[in-house]
Protein backbone atom coordinates (compact mmCIF):
# COMPACT_ATOMS: atom_id res chain seq x y z
CA MET A 1 71.32 68.11 81.37
CA ILE A 2 72.75 66.42 78.33
CA LEU A 3 74.14 62.94 79.05
CA SER A 4 78.38 62.33 78.80
CA ASP A 5 79.65 59.36 76.58
CA LYS A 6 80.62 58.32 80.44
CA THR A 7 77.05 58.57 81.69
CA ILE A 8 75.37 57.04 78.64
CA LEU A 9 78.08 54.05 78.79
CA SER A 10 77.22 53.85 82.80
CA LEU A 11 73.46 53.56 82.22
CA LEU A 12 73.80 50.92 79.14
CA LYS A 13 75.77 48.83 81.32
CA GLN A 14 73.27 49.18 83.94
CA GLY A 15 70.53 48.12 81.70
CA THR A 16 68.52 51.54 82.38
CA LEU A 17 69.36 52.68 78.91
CA SER A 18 69.06 49.91 76.22
CA ILE A 19 70.21 50.17 72.78
CA ALA A 20 70.53 47.42 70.22
CA PRO A 21 72.47 46.17 68.05
CA LEU A 22 75.04 49.01 69.40
CA GLN A 23 78.93 49.21 68.60
CA GLU A 24 80.81 51.27 71.05
CA SER A 25 81.90 53.20 68.60
CA GLN A 26 78.76 54.47 67.96
CA ILE A 27 78.96 56.29 71.43
CA GLN A 28 80.31 60.00 70.74
CA PRO A 29 80.87 62.47 73.54
CA ALA A 30 77.37 63.38 74.46
CA SER A 31 75.25 61.65 71.76
CA VAL A 32 74.88 57.78 70.16
CA ASP A 33 74.81 57.41 66.52
CA ILE A 34 71.91 55.78 64.93
CA ARG A 35 71.93 53.71 61.61
CA LEU A 36 69.74 53.57 58.71
CA GLY A 37 67.48 50.15 59.16
CA ASP A 38 66.59 48.61 55.63
CA ILE A 39 62.69 49.14 55.84
CA PHE A 40 60.92 52.03 54.21
CA SER A 41 57.31 52.96 53.89
CA VAL A 42 55.58 55.38 51.70
CA VAL A 43 52.23 56.50 51.72
CA GLU A 44 50.07 54.86 48.84
CA ASP A 45 47.95 56.91 46.43
CA SER A 46 44.58 57.34 47.50
CA SER A 47 41.76 57.81 45.00
CA THR A 48 40.82 61.34 46.70
CA ALA A 49 44.28 62.27 46.99
CA ILE A 50 43.59 63.78 50.36
CA LEU A 51 45.21 62.34 53.52
CA THR A 52 42.73 63.10 56.54
CA LEU A 53 43.85 62.86 60.13
CA SER A 54 40.87 60.76 60.83
CA GLN A 55 41.23 57.92 58.32
CA LYS A 56 43.60 55.52 58.73
CA MET A 57 46.26 56.00 55.62
CA LEU A 58 47.84 52.98 53.61
CA TYR A 59 51.56 52.54 53.17
CA LYS A 60 53.63 50.23 50.93
CA GLU A 61 56.58 48.72 53.07
CA ILE A 62 59.84 48.32 51.22
CA HIS A 63 62.56 46.20 52.57
CA ALA A 64 65.90 46.87 50.87
CA ASP A 65 69.57 48.09 51.57
CA LYS A 66 69.26 50.89 49.43
CA TYR A 67 66.77 53.10 48.59
CA LEU A 68 66.77 56.05 45.97
CA LEU A 69 65.32 59.15 47.46
CA LEU A 70 63.93 61.18 44.65
CA PRO A 71 63.75 65.12 44.80
CA GLY A 72 61.03 66.17 46.73
CA GLN A 73 59.78 62.71 47.30
CA PHE A 74 59.04 62.01 51.12
CA VAL A 75 59.66 58.60 52.95
CA LEU A 76 59.52 56.60 55.93
CA ALA A 77 62.31 54.59 57.27
CA THR A 78 63.45 52.84 60.77
CA THR A 79 66.60 53.09 62.63
CA MET A 80 68.61 49.45 63.15
CA GLU A 81 68.69 50.52 66.68
CA TYR A 82 65.79 49.30 68.92
CA ILE A 83 65.58 51.98 72.35
CA SER A 84 64.39 51.65 75.95
CA LEU A 85 64.47 54.60 77.84
CA PRO A 86 63.44 54.92 81.41
CA ASP A 87 61.09 57.06 82.64
CA ASN A 88 63.45 59.76 83.74
CA LEU A 89 65.34 60.33 80.47
CA THR A 90 64.34 61.75 77.14
CA ALA A 91 66.43 61.66 73.86
CA PHE A 92 66.40 64.19 70.95
CA VAL A 93 66.90 62.65 67.20
CA GLU A 94 69.37 64.91 65.59
CA GLY A 95 70.13 64.40 61.86
CA ARG A 96 73.82 64.53 60.93
CA SER A 97 74.76 67.73 59.08
CA SER A 98 76.91 66.01 56.51
CA LEU A 99 73.58 64.81 55.31
CA GLY A 100 71.95 67.80 55.72
CA ARG A 101 74.47 69.41 53.44
CA MET A 102 73.64 67.05 50.79
CA GLY A 103 69.75 68.28 51.21
CA LEU A 104 68.33 65.21 53.06
CA PHE A 105 65.79 66.45 56.08
CA ILE A 106 65.63 63.67 58.46
CA GLN A 107 63.18 64.11 61.49
CA ASN A 108 61.08 62.04 64.41
CA ALA A 109 59.11 65.12 65.45
CA GLY A 110 62.76 65.37 67.24
CA TRP A 111 61.52 64.03 70.08
CA VAL A 112 61.58 60.38 72.20
CA ASP A 113 59.21 60.52 75.10
CA PRO A 114 60.74 59.10 78.64
CA GLY A 115 58.95 55.41 79.14
CA PHE A 116 59.46 54.79 75.13
CA SER A 117 60.77 51.69 73.98
CA GLY A 118 60.66 50.64 70.04
CA GLU A 119 62.54 51.55 66.80
CA ILE A 120 62.59 55.05 65.80
CA THR A 121 61.03 55.71 62.60
CA LEU A 122 62.49 58.69 60.82
CA GLU A 123 60.77 61.16 58.25
CA LEU A 124 63.16 61.27 55.46
CA PHE A 125 62.98 64.43 52.82
CA ASN A 126 65.17 65.24 50.12
CA ALA A 127 65.06 68.86 49.20
CA ASN A 128 67.94 68.65 46.76
CA ARG A 129 67.52 68.67 42.72
CA CYS A 130 69.47 65.15 42.91
CA ALA A 131 68.47 61.45 43.80
CA ILE A 132 69.86 60.41 47.29
CA GLU A 133 70.99 57.20 47.52
CA LEU A 134 70.32 56.06 50.97
CA GLN A 135 72.14 52.62 52.10
CA ALA A 136 70.87 50.61 54.94
CA GLY A 137 73.57 50.48 58.03
CA ARG A 138 74.77 53.90 57.54
CA ARG A 139 74.94 56.36 60.35
CA ILE A 140 71.82 58.84 59.52
CA GLY A 141 71.70 60.65 62.69
CA GLN A 142 72.49 60.65 66.50
CA LEU A 143 70.29 60.97 70.14
CA VAL A 144 71.13 63.32 72.34
CA PHE A 145 70.22 62.09 75.66
CA ALA A 146 68.99 64.25 78.49
CA GLN A 147 68.27 63.65 82.18
CA MET A 148 64.98 65.16 83.85
CA ASP A 149 64.74 66.43 87.17
CA GLN A 150 62.79 63.05 88.38
CA ALA A 151 60.76 60.25 86.53
CA ALA A 152 57.96 61.28 84.56
CA LEU A 153 54.40 60.82 86.13
CA HIS A 154 52.82 59.54 83.04
CA PRO A 155 55.97 58.11 80.89
CA TYR A 156 54.60 57.08 77.05
CA ARG A 157 52.74 54.01 76.98
CA GLY A 158 50.86 55.50 73.50
CA LYS A 159 50.28 54.14 70.26
CA TYR A 160 53.98 53.48 68.81
CA GLN A 161 55.21 51.35 71.94
CA GLY A 162 57.25 48.83 70.81
CA GLN A 163 56.96 49.49 67.27
CA ARG A 164 59.62 48.18 64.49
CA GLY A 165 59.96 49.10 61.03
CA ALA A 166 58.98 52.23 59.67
CA THR A 167 55.79 53.00 61.01
CA GLY A 168 53.27 55.06 59.37
CA SER A 169 50.90 57.33 61.06
CA MET A 170 48.05 56.33 63.68
CA VAL A 171 46.88 60.20 64.11
CA TYR A 172 43.61 58.53 63.17
CA LEU A 173 43.58 56.82 66.88
CA ASP A 174 43.91 60.37 68.80
CA GLU A 175 41.22 61.09 70.89
CA GLU A 176 40.72 64.81 70.64
CA SER A 177 38.93 66.36 73.64
CA ASP A 178 38.10 69.28 71.24
CA LYS A 179 35.77 67.36 68.55
CA ARG A 180 33.10 69.29 66.67
């Protein structure tokens, strides 16, 4: 079940759900607007020009109020908001249609697990032929919350728990059961 603004406000007041900083104007009928933070990360060039799943990638972190996203460029960004979800609530990250119409693709795997706490790292891609100027503090997307039928047996306690800033991939830490 998707949560309404009334339920979101109630959970925030109870402290069951935490989003900070938060202005009441960010709360929409069935979502909460999220804003772009001022930390961006880009993958540093490697000597082999190949990224692998088994090695740590290096990122250049940029602190800026404005970031010019060039055509075809990919950058990690962060939200201003730090969120904490209870073990029985999940959230979907949706980009703003107005930004999508400019060619800005916004993703974060689209999903925030129950039990997650942290700033949300966003993957931004410019599919336009023109550069797009990104500005910290502007609405970049929204969180849509869904109530689970019961608390998760194994809520999120993974490698991105508590993240702040535009956090790079930690896929190299995955323990694959199918190693060959």
